[in-house]
C-alpha cells in the first residue's frame, strides 16, 4: 500500500519500490479491497522479495514494524514505522492502518 500511495501522491517526485522479507507471492485481497475504496487498483502490483528490487543505494528505506528482523537495504535515510501488520485485521481496523500508511507517505513526500 505504501508503494501505491507513493505513486498517487509522489507522481513525478519519487520512485518507490515495495518488497518484503517473506513475500507470499500474492497481494492480500484485503489490501486490494482497501485500496479500491480510495480509488486505486492494487491488482497491478506484485508481492516481491528484496531480491527483486534494484540493488542501489536508496535515498530512504522505510520498514514497517519488523524490528530486529529487518533486512539491510542500503539507504541514506532509514525509518521504521512500527505499524501493526494489518493482514489479520477486520476491514475497519485494516483501513485504519491503510490510512496511517497514507498519512506517513504524504508526510515523507513533503519532507523530500
Protein backbone atom coordinates (compact mmCIF):
# COMPACT_ATOMS: atom_id res chain seq x y z
CA UNK A 1 0.00 0.00 0.00
CA UNK A 2 2.89 2.36 0.73
CA UNK A 3 4.21 1.97 -2.81
CA UNK A 4 0.73 2.71 -4.16
CA UNK A 5 0.39 5.84 -2.04
CA UNK A 6 3.85 6.97 -3.17
CA UNK A 7 2.67 6.59 -6.77
CA UNK A 8 -0.54 8.50 -6.02
CA UNK A 9 0.94 11.37 -4.02
CA UNK A 10 4.51 11.47 -5.30
CA UNK A 11 3.92 11.03 -9.01
CA UNK A 12 6.90 12.58 -10.76
CA UNK A 13 8.63 13.38 -7.48
CA UNK A 14 9.52 9.96 -6.08
CA UNK A 15 10.10 6.45 -7.37
CA UNK A 16 9.05 3.85 -4.82
CA UNK A 17 9.73 0.15 -4.53
CA UNK A 18 7.99 -2.20 -2.15
CA UNK A 19 9.24 -5.60 -1.11
CA UNK A 20 9.16 -7.97 1.78
CA UNK A 21 11.48 -10.30 3.60
CA UNK A 22 8.95 -13.14 3.29
CA UNK A 23 6.60 -12.30 0.39
CA UNK A 24 3.64 -14.59 -0.19
CA UNK A 25 3.65 -14.12 -3.95
CA UNK A 26 0.14 -12.63 -3.94
CA UNK A 27 -1.32 -9.29 -2.95
CA UNK A 28 -3.53 -9.60 0.11
CA UNK A 29 -7.18 -9.41 -1.03
CA UNK A 30 -7.92 -7.14 1.95
CA UNK A 31 -5.29 -4.70 0.66
CA UNK A 32 -6.81 -4.82 -2.82
CA UNK A 33 -10.26 -4.06 -1.36
CA UNK A 34 -8.94 -1.32 0.95
CA UNK A 35 -7.12 0.43 -1.88
CA UNK A 36 -10.12 0.08 -4.19
CA UNK A 37 -12.08 2.10 -1.61
CA UNK A 38 -9.67 5.01 -2.19
CA UNK A 39 -9.77 4.62 -5.97
CA UNK A 40 -6.55 2.68 -6.59
CA UNK A 41 -6.27 -0.65 -8.39
CA UNK A 42 -3.69 -2.64 -6.44
CA UNK A 43 -4.08 -5.67 -8.72
CA UNK A 44 -1.37 -4.21 -10.96
CA UNK A 45 1.18 -4.67 -8.14
CA UNK A 46 3.11 -7.81 -7.23
CA UNK A 47 4.30 -9.32 -3.97
CA UNK A 48 8.10 -9.10 -4.31
CA UNK A 49 11.14 -10.14 -2.32
CA UNK A 50 14.08 -7.85 -1.63
CA UNK A 51 15.97 -9.71 -4.34
CA UNK A 52 13.51 -8.36 -6.93
CA UNK A 53 14.06 -4.64 -6.37
CA UNK A 54 17.02 -2.70 -7.80
CA UNK A 55 20.33 -3.14 -5.99
CA UNK A 56 21.04 0.55 -5.50
CA UNK A 57 21.58 2.94 -2.61
CA UNK A 58 18.17 4.42 -1.87
CA UNK A 59 17.51 7.89 -0.52
CA UNK A 60 15.03 6.44 2.01
CA UNK A 61 14.37 2.93 3.27
CA UNK A 62 11.17 2.61 5.24
CA UNK A 63 10.38 -0.56 7.14
CA UNK A 64 7.12 -1.32 8.86
CA UNK A 65 7.50 -2.85 12.27
CA UNK A 66 9.94 -5.63 11.51
CA UNK A 67 12.21 -4.72 14.43
CA UNK A 68 15.39 -6.83 14.65
CA UNK A 69 14.27 -8.94 11.67
CA UNK A 70 14.55 -6.04 9.23
CA UNK A 71 16.83 -6.93 6.36
CA UNK A 72 19.51 -4.47 5.36
CA UNK A 73 18.84 -2.17 2.43
CA UNK A 74 21.45 0.46 1.57
CA UNK A 75 19.91 3.88 2.12
CA UNK A 76 20.88 7.42 3.01
CA UNK A 77 17.98 7.68 5.48
CA UNK A 78 16.19 4.89 7.37
CA UNK A 79 12.98 4.78 9.38
CA UNK A 80 10.86 2.02 10.88
CA UNK A 81 7.22 2.99 11.05
CA UNK A 82 6.34 0.25 13.59
CA UNK A 83 2.87 -0.34 12.18
CA UNK A 84 0.69 -3.30 13.01
CA UNK A 85 0.60 -5.90 10.24
CA UNK A 86 -2.98 -5.50 9.03
CA UNK A 87 -3.28 -8.85 7.24
CA UNK A 88 -5.32 -10.49 10.01
CA UNK A 89 -7.34 -7.40 10.93
CA UNK A 90 -11.00 -6.82 10.19
CA UNK A 91 -11.69 -4.32 7.37
CA UNK A 92 -12.33 -1.34 9.68
CA UNK A 93 -9.05 -1.85 11.53
CA UNK A 94 -7.24 -2.72 8.29
CA UNK A 95 -8.38 0.60 6.84
CA UNK A 96 -7.01 2.46 9.87
CA UNK A 97 -3.57 1.04 9.10
CA UNK A 98 -4.05 1.91 5.40
CA UNK A 99 -4.92 5.49 6.33
CA UNK A 100 -1.90 5.77 8.63
CA UNK A 101 0.36 4.50 5.86
CA UNK A 102 -1.08 7.12 3.52
CA UNK A 103 -0.57 9.87 6.11
CA UNK A 104 3.07 8.86 6.65
CA UNK A 105 3.79 8.54 2.92
CA UNK A 106 2.39 12.02 2.31
CA UNK A 107 4.44 13.39 5.20
CA UNK A 108 7.60 11.78 3.83
CA UNK A 109 6.99 13.12 0.33
CA UNK A 110 6.51 16.63 1.74
CA UNK A 111 9.81 16.25 3.63
CA UNK A 112 11.64 15.24 0.48
